[in-house]
Amino acid sequence: MRVQFLSWLIGLFLVASLYLLGPIVYFNRVYPYILGMPAILFWYTLVPLLTPVILGTLYLIDRAQNRH
């Protein structure tokens, strides 16, 4: 059980790191504008909006798989 938890924790850390830090390489430019914002600002505005949706989806999947 502990190994599974640790592997999930490492996986989530890697996904979050790529989700937040990876786009800096591609979006760190003033142009193009997306919805009136530089691309990096748009990305960092989009991330907090997508996170609850992703976590809610994972919760529903986990709840459906672990019904007792």
PDB file of N, CA and C in Angstrom:
ATOM      1  N   MET A   1       0.831  -1.194   0.000  1.00  0.00           N
ATOM      2  CA  MET A   1       0.000   0.000   0.000  1.00  0.00           C
ATOM      3  C   MET A   1       0.874   1.255   0.000  1.00  0.00           C
ATOM      4  N   ARG A   2       1.931   1.246   0.786  1.00  0.00           N
ATOM      5  CA  ARG A   2       2.804   2.417   0.878  1.00  0.00           C
ATOM      6  C   ARG A   2       3.543   2.670  -0.434  1.00  0.00           C
ATOM      7  N   VAL A   3       3.958   1.612  -1.118  1.00  0.00           N
ATOM      8  CA  VAL A   3       4.653   1.758  -2.396  1.00  0.00           C
ATOM      9  C   VAL A   3       3.717   2.362  -3.439  1.00  0.00           C
ATOM     10  N   GLN A   4       2.467   1.937  -3.435  1.00  0.00           N
ATOM     11  CA  GLN A   4       1.498   2.482  -4.383  1.00  0.00           C
ATOM     12  C   GLN A   4       1.263   3.970  -4.108  1.00  0.00           C
ATOM     13  N   PHE A   5       1.151   4.346  -2.838  1.00  0.00           N
ATOM     14  CA  PHE A   5       0.958   5.753  -2.487  1.00  0.00           C
ATOM     15  C   PHE A   5       2.158   6.580  -2.917  1.00  0.00           C
ATOM     16  N   LEU A   6       3.358   6.067  -2.677  1.00  0.00           N
ATOM     17  CA  LEU A   6       4.568   6.792  -3.044  1.00  0.00           C
ATOM     18  C   LEU A   6       4.679   6.946  -4.558  1.00  0.00           C
ATOM     19  N   SER A   7       4.315   5.928  -5.302  1.00  0.00           N
ATOM     20  CA  SER A   7       4.370   6.035  -6.762  1.00  0.00           C
ATOM     21  C   SER A   7       3.344   7.048  -7.275  1.00  0.00           C
ATOM     22  N   TRP A   8       2.159   7.085  -6.684  1.00  0.00           N
ATOM     23  CA  TRP A   8       1.164   8.104  -7.049  1.00  0.00           C
ATOM     24  C   TRP A   8       1.670   9.502  -6.722  1.00  0.00           C
ATOM     25  N   LEU A   9       2.299   9.645  -5.567  1.00  0.00           N
ATOM     26  CA  LEU A   9       2.814  10.948  -5.150  1.00  0.00           C
ATOM     27  C   LEU A   9       3.896  11.434  -6.105  1.00  0.00           C
ATOM     28  N   ILE A  10       4.806  10.564  -6.478  1.00  0.00           N
ATOM     29  CA  ILE A  10       5.862  10.936  -7.419  1.00  0.00           C
ATOM     30  C   ILE A  10       5.261  11.263  -8.783  1.00  0.00           C
ATOM     31  N   GLY A  11       4.309  10.471  -9.228  1.00  0.00           N
ATOM     32  CA  GLY A  11       3.658  10.728 -10.508  1.00  0.00           C
ATOM     33  C   GLY A  11       2.936  12.065 -10.534  1.00  0.00           C
ATOM     34  N   LEU A  12       2.201  12.368  -9.475  1.00  0.00           N
ATOM     35  CA  LEU A  12       1.500  13.650  -9.411  1.00  0.00           C
ATOM     36  C   LEU A  12       2.470  14.819  -9.351  1.00  0.00           C
ATOM     37  N   PHE A  13       3.583  14.647  -8.658  1.00  0.00           N
ATOM     38  CA  PHE A  13       4.597  15.697  -8.602  1.00  0.00           C
ATOM     39  C   PHE A  13       5.180  15.957  -9.990  1.00  0.00           C
ATOM     40  N   LEU A  14       5.467  14.902 -10.729  1.00  0.00           N
ATOM     41  CA  LEU A  14       6.013  15.067 -12.080  1.00  0.00           C
ATOM     42  C   LEU A  14       5.005  15.725 -13.019  1.00  0.00           C
ATOM     43  N   VAL A  15       3.762  15.309 -12.934  1.00  0.00           N
ATOM     44  CA  VAL A  15       2.730  15.908 -13.791  1.00  0.00           C
ATOM     45  C   VAL A  15       2.550  17.385 -13.452  1.00  0.00           C
ATOM     46  N   ALA A  16       2.503  17.708 -12.162  1.00  0.00           N
ATOM     47  CA  ALA A  16       2.341  19.107 -11.760  1.00  0.00           C
ATOM     48  C   ALA A  16       3.540  19.944 -12.189  1.00  0.00           C
ATOM     49  N   SER A  17       4.730  19.393 -12.088  1.00  0.00           N
ATOM     50  CA  SER A  17       5.926  20.123 -12.508  1.00  0.00           C
ATOM     51  C   SER A  17       5.893  20.404 -14.004  1.00  0.00           C
ATOM     52  N   LEU A  18       5.544  19.404 -14.784  1.00  0.00           N
ATOM     53  CA  LEU A  18       5.463  19.608 -16.228  1.00  0.00           C
ATOM     54  C   LEU A  18       4.329  20.557 -16.593  1.00  0.00           C
ATOM     55  N   TYR A  19       3.244  20.473 -15.855  1.00  0.00           N
ATOM     56  CA  TYR A  19       2.067  21.298 -16.094  1.00  0.00           C
ATOM     57  C   TYR A  19       2.364  22.776 -15.837  1.00  0.00           C
ATOM     58  N   LEU A  20       3.168  23.048 -14.806  1.00  0.00           N
ATOM     59  CA  LEU A  20       3.441  24.431 -14.432  1.00  0.00           C
ATOM     60  C   LEU A  20       4.735  24.978 -15.023  1.00  0.00           C
ATOM     61  N   LEU A  21       5.778  24.178 -15.065  1.00  0.00           N
ATOM     62  CA  LEU A  21       7.082  24.685 -15.476  1.00  0.00           C
ATOM     63  C   LEU A  21       7.419  24.399 -16.935  1.00  0.00           C
ATOM     64  N   GLY A  22       6.869  23.352 -17.497  1.00  0.00           N
ATOM     65  CA  GLY A  22       7.172  22.997 -18.877  1.00  0.00           C
ATOM     66  C   GLY A  22       6.822  24.061 -19.905  1.00  0.00           C
ATOM     67  N   PRO A  23       5.666  24.688 -19.814  1.00  0.00           N
ATOM     68  CA  PRO A  23       5.271  25.673 -20.831  1.00  0.00           C
ATOM     69  C   PRO A  23       6.112  26.944 -20.841  1.00  0.00           C
ATOM     70  N   ILE A  24       6.920  27.175 -19.824  1.00  0.00           N
ATOM     71  CA  ILE A  24       7.754  28.379 -19.812  1.00  0.00           C
ATOM     72  C   ILE A  24       8.644  28.415 -21.046  1.00  0.00           C
ATOM     73  N   VAL A  25       9.140  27.275 -21.458  1.00  0.00           N
ATOM     74  CA  VAL A  25      10.021  27.208 -22.625  1.00  0.00           C
ATOM     75  C   VAL A  25       9.287  27.652 -23.886  1.00  0.00           C
ATOM     76  N   TYR A  26       8.031  27.263 -24.025  1.00  0.00           N
ATOM     77  CA  TYR A  26       7.296  27.542 -25.256  1.00  0.00           C
ATOM     78  C   TYR A  26       6.495  28.838 -25.213  1.00  0.00           C
ATOM     79  N   PHE A  27       6.025  29.225 -24.045  1.00  0.00           N
ATOM     80  CA  PHE A  27       5.124  30.370 -23.949  1.00  0.00           C
ATOM     81  C   PHE A  27       5.796  31.641 -23.457  1.00  0.00           C
ATOM     82  N   ASN A  28       7.069  31.640 -23.186  1.00  0.00           N
ATOM     83  CA  ASN A  28       7.735  32.807 -22.613  1.00  0.00           C
ATOM     84  C   ASN A  28       8.069  33.819 -23.707  1.00  0.00           C
ATOM     85  N   ARG A  29       7.024  34.350 -24.329  1.00  0.00           N
ATOM     86  CA  ARG A  29       7.155  35.366 -25.360  1.00  0.00           C
ATOM     87  C   ARG A  29       6.019  36.374 -25.169  1.00  0.00           C
ATOM     88  N   VAL A  30       6.248  37.570 -25.646  1.00  0.00           N
ATOM     89  CA  VAL A  30       5.194  38.576 -25.539  1.00  0.00           C
ATOM     90  C   VAL A  30       4.093  38.294 -26.556  1.00  0.00           C
ATOM     91  N   TYR A  31       4.473  37.884 -27.738  1.00  0.00           N
ATOM     92  CA  TYR A  31       3.505  37.590 -28.795  1.00  0.00           C
ATOM     93  C   TYR A  31       3.487  36.096 -29.034  1.00  0.00           C
ATOM     94  N   PRO A  32       2.450  35.458 -29.352  1.00  0.00           N
ATOM     95  CA  PRO A  32       1.127  35.941 -29.702  1.00  0.00           C
ATOM     96  C   PRO A  32       0.269  36.171 -28.457  1.00  0.00           C
ATOM     97  N   TYR A  33      -0.726  36.999 -28.622  1.00  0.00           N
ATOM     98  CA  TYR A  33      -1.693  37.220 -27.562  1.00  0.00           C
ATOM     99  C   TYR A  33      -2.808  36.189 -27.671  1.00  0.00           C
ATOM    100  N   ILE A  34      -3.238  35.690 -26.523  1.00  0.00           N
ATOM    101  CA  ILE A  34      -4.370  34.768 -26.468  1.00  0.00           C
ATOM    102  C   ILE A  34      -5.398  35.411 -25.546  1.00  0.00           C
ATOM    103  N   LEU A  35      -6.543  35.730 -26.082  1.00  0.00           N
ATOM    104  CA  LEU A  35      -7.601  36.434 -25.342  1.00  0.00           C
ATOM    105  C   LEU A  35      -7.082  37.720 -24.713  1.00  0.00           C
ATOM    106  N   GLY A  36      -6.222  38.424 -25.422  1.00  0.00           N
ATOM    107  CA  GLY A  36      -5.711  39.705 -24.964  1.00  0.00           C
ATOM    108  C   GLY A  36      -4.578  39.623 -23.957  1.00  0.00           C
ATOM    109  N   MET A  37      -4.066  38.438 -23.696  1.00  0.00           N
ATOM    110  CA  MET A  37      -2.974  38.257 -22.734  1.00  0.00           C
ATOM    111  C   MET A  37      -1.793  37.608 -23.441  1.00  0.00           C
ATOM    112  N   PRO A  38      -0.577  37.914 -22.971  1.00  0.00           N
ATOM    113  CA  PRO A  38       0.555  37.132 -23.481  1.00  0.00           C
ATOM    114  C   PRO A  38       0.334  35.654 -23.171  1.00  0.00           C
ATOM    115  N   ALA A  39       0.927  34.793 -23.977  1.00  0.00           N
ATOM    116  CA  ALA A  39       0.662  33.359 -23.877  1.00  0.00           C
ATOM    117  C   ALA A  39       0.968  32.804 -22.492  1.00  0.00           C
ATOM    118  N   ILE A  40       2.065  33.232 -21.856  1.00  0.00           N
ATOM    119  CA  ILE A  40       2.423  32.680 -20.537  1.00  0.00           C
ATOM    120  C   ILE A  40       1.410  33.110 -19.477  1.00  0.00           C
ATOM    121  N   LEU A  41       0.924  34.346 -19.563  1.00  0.00           N
ATOM    122  CA  LEU A  41      -0.091  34.811 -18.617  1.00  0.00           C
ATOM    123  C   LEU A  41      -1.399  34.049 -18.828  1.00  0.00           C
ATOM    124  N   PHE A  42      -1.746  33.803 -20.079  1.00  0.00           N
ATOM    125  CA  PHE A  42      -2.936  33.003 -20.367  1.00  0.00           C
ATOM    126  C   PHE A  42      -2.799  31.605 -19.778  1.00  0.00           C
ATOM    127  N   TRP A  43      -1.616  30.990 -19.933  1.00  0.00           N
ATOM    128  CA  TRP A  43      -1.403  29.638 -19.410  1.00  0.00           C
ATOM    129  C   TRP A  43      -1.560  29.623 -17.899  1.00  0.00           C
ATOM    130  N   TYR A  44      -0.944  30.595 -17.208  1.00  0.00           N
ATOM    131  CA  TYR A  44      -1.027  30.613 -15.750  1.00  0.00           C
ATOM    132  C   TYR A  44      -2.392  31.072 -15.246  1.00  0.00           C
ATOM    133  N   THR A  45      -3.218  31.625 -16.096  1.00  0.00           N
ATOM    134  CA  THR A  45      -4.610  31.882 -15.753  1.00  0.00           C
ATOM    135  C   THR A  45      -5.450  30.628 -15.982  1.00  0.00           C
ATOM    136  N   LEU A  46      -5.108  29.877 -17.008  1.00  0.00           N
ATOM    137  CA  LEU A  46      -5.850  28.670 -17.348  1.00  0.00           C
ATOM    138  C   LEU A  46      -5.597  27.531 -16.362  1.00  0.00           C
ATOM    139  N   VAL A  47      -4.383  27.425 -15.842  1.00  0.00           N
ATOM    140  CA  VAL A  47      -4.018  26.317 -14.946  1.00  0.00           C
ATOM    141  C   VAL A  47      -4.923  26.254 -13.713  1.00  0.00           C
ATOM    142  N   PRO A  48      -5.139  27.350 -12.965  1.00  0.00           N
ATOM    143  CA  PRO A  48      -6.034  27.238 -11.800  1.00  0.00           C
ATOM    144  C   PRO A  48      -7.482  26.932 -12.169  1.00  0.00           C
ATOM    145  N   LEU A  49      -7.886  27.268 -13.377  1.00  0.00           N
ATOM    146  CA  LEU A  49      -9.250  26.954 -13.797  1.00  0.00           C
ATOM    147  C   LEU A  49      -9.396  25.488 -14.197  1.00  0.00           C
ATOM    148  N   LEU A  50      -8.353  24.897 -14.754  1.00  0.00           N
ATOM    149  CA  LEU A  50      -8.413  23.501 -15.176  1.00  0.00           C
ATOM    150  C   LEU A  50      -8.168  22.519 -14.035  1.00  0.00           C
ATOM    151  N   THR A  51      -7.413  22.920 -13.035  1.00  0.00           N
ATOM    152  CA  THR A  51      -7.041  22.006 -11.960  1.00  0.00           C
ATOM    153  C   THR A  51      -8.250  21.407 -11.240  1.00  0.00           C
ATOM    154  N   PRO A  52      -9.254  22.185 -10.811  1.00  0.00           N
ATOM    155  CA  PRO A  52     -10.412  21.556 -10.157  1.00  0.00           C
ATOM    156  C   PRO A  52     -11.179  20.610 -11.078  1.00  0.00           C
ATOM    157  N   VAL A  53     -11.231  20.923 -12.357  1.00  0.00           N
ATOM    158  CA  VAL A  53     -11.921  20.043 -13.302  1.00  0.00           C
ATOM    159  C   VAL A  53     -11.189  18.710 -13.405  1.00  0.00           C
ATOM    160  N   ILE A  54      -9.873  18.758 -13.508  1.00  0.00           N
ATOM    161  CA  ILE A  54      -9.076  17.537 -13.610  1.00  0.00           C
ATOM    162  C   ILE A  54      -9.171  16.728 -12.323  1.00  0.00           C
ATOM    163  N   LEU A  55      -9.040  17.388 -11.179  1.00  0.00           N
ATOM    164  CA  LEU A  55      -9.119  16.676  -9.901  1.00  0.00           C
ATOM    165  C   LEU A  55     -10.514  16.099  -9.669  1.00  0.00           C
ATOM    166  N   GLY A  56     -11.551  16.820 -10.058  1.00  0.00           N
ATOM    167  CA  GLY A  56     -12.910  16.297  -9.931  1.00  0.00           C
ATOM    168  C   GLY A  56     -13.128  15.071 -10.797  1.00  0.00           C
ATOM    169  N   THR A  57     -12.582  15.097 -12.002  1.00  0.00           N
ATOM    170  CA  THR A  57     -12.681  13.937 -12.882  1.00  0.00           C
ATOM    171  C   THR A  57     -11.954  12.739 -12.291  1.00  0.00           C
ATOM    172  N   LEU A  58     -10.748  12.957 -11.763  1.00  0.00           N
ATOM    173  CA  LEU A  58     -10.007  11.871 -11.117  1.00  0.00           C
ATOM    174  C   LEU A  58     -10.758  11.329  -9.910  1.00  0.00           C
ATOM    175  N   TYR A  59     -11.403  12.205  -9.158  1.00  0.00           N
ATOM    176  CA  TYR A  59     -12.182  11.772  -8.001  1.00  0.00           C
ATOM    177  C   TYR A  59     -13.340  10.871  -8.432  1.00  0.00           C
ATOM    178  N   LEU A  60     -14.054  11.280  -9.473  1.00  0.00           N
ATOM    179  CA  LEU A  60     -15.182  10.479  -9.946  1.00  0.00           C
ATOM    180  C   LEU A  60     -14.729   9.129 -10.493  1.00  0.00           C
ATOM    181  N   ILE A  61     -13.610   9.116 -11.192  1.00  0.00           N
ATOM    182  CA  ILE A  61     -13.076   7.842 -11.696  1.00  0.00           C
ATOM    183  C   ILE A  61     -12.674   6.946 -10.541  1.00  0.00           C
ATOM    184  N   ASP A  62     -11.997   7.506  -9.556  1.00  0.00           N
ATOM    185  CA  ASP A  62     -11.557   6.717  -8.400  1.00  0.00           C
ATOM    186  C   ASP A  62     -12.752   6.198  -7.608  1.00  0.00           C
ATOM    187  N   ARG A  63     -13.757   7.030  -7.436  1.00  0.00           N
ATOM    188  CA  ARG A  63     -14.947   6.610  -6.693  1.00  0.00           C
ATOM    189  C   ARG A  63     -15.684   5.486  -7.412  1.00  0.00           C
ATOM    190  N   ALA A  64     -15.733   5.562  -8.740  1.00  0.00           N
ATOM    191  CA  ALA A  64     -16.405   4.514  -9.513  1.00  0.00           C
ATOM    192  C   ALA A  64     -15.636   3.192  -9.462  1.00  0.00           C
ATOM    193  N   GLN A  65     -14.327   3.263  -9.405  1.00  0.00           N
ATOM    194  CA  GLN A  65     -13.516   2.044  -9.377  1.00  0.00           C
ATOM    195  C   GLN A  65     -13.468   1.406  -8.001  1.00  0.00           C
ATOM    196  N   ASN A  66     -13.635   2.179  -6.952  1.00  0.00           N
ATOM    197  CA  ASN A  66     -13.482   1.667  -5.589  1.00  0.00           C
ATOM    198  C   ASN A  66     -14.802   1.547  -4.844  1.00  0.00           C
ATOM    199  N   ARG A  67     -15.878   1.288  -5.545  1.00  0.00           N
ATOM    200  CA  ARG A  67     -17.168   1.088  -4.872  1.00  0.00           C
ATOM    201  C   ARG A  67     -17.162  -0.242  -4.154  1.00  0.00           C
ATOM    202  N   HIS A  68     -17.628  -0.232  -2.933  1.00  0.00           N
ATOM    203  CA  HIS A  68     -17.674  -1.478  -2.140  1.00  0.00           C
ATOM    204  C   HIS A  68     -19.094  -1.783  -1.782  1.00  0.00           C
TER     205      HIS A  68
END
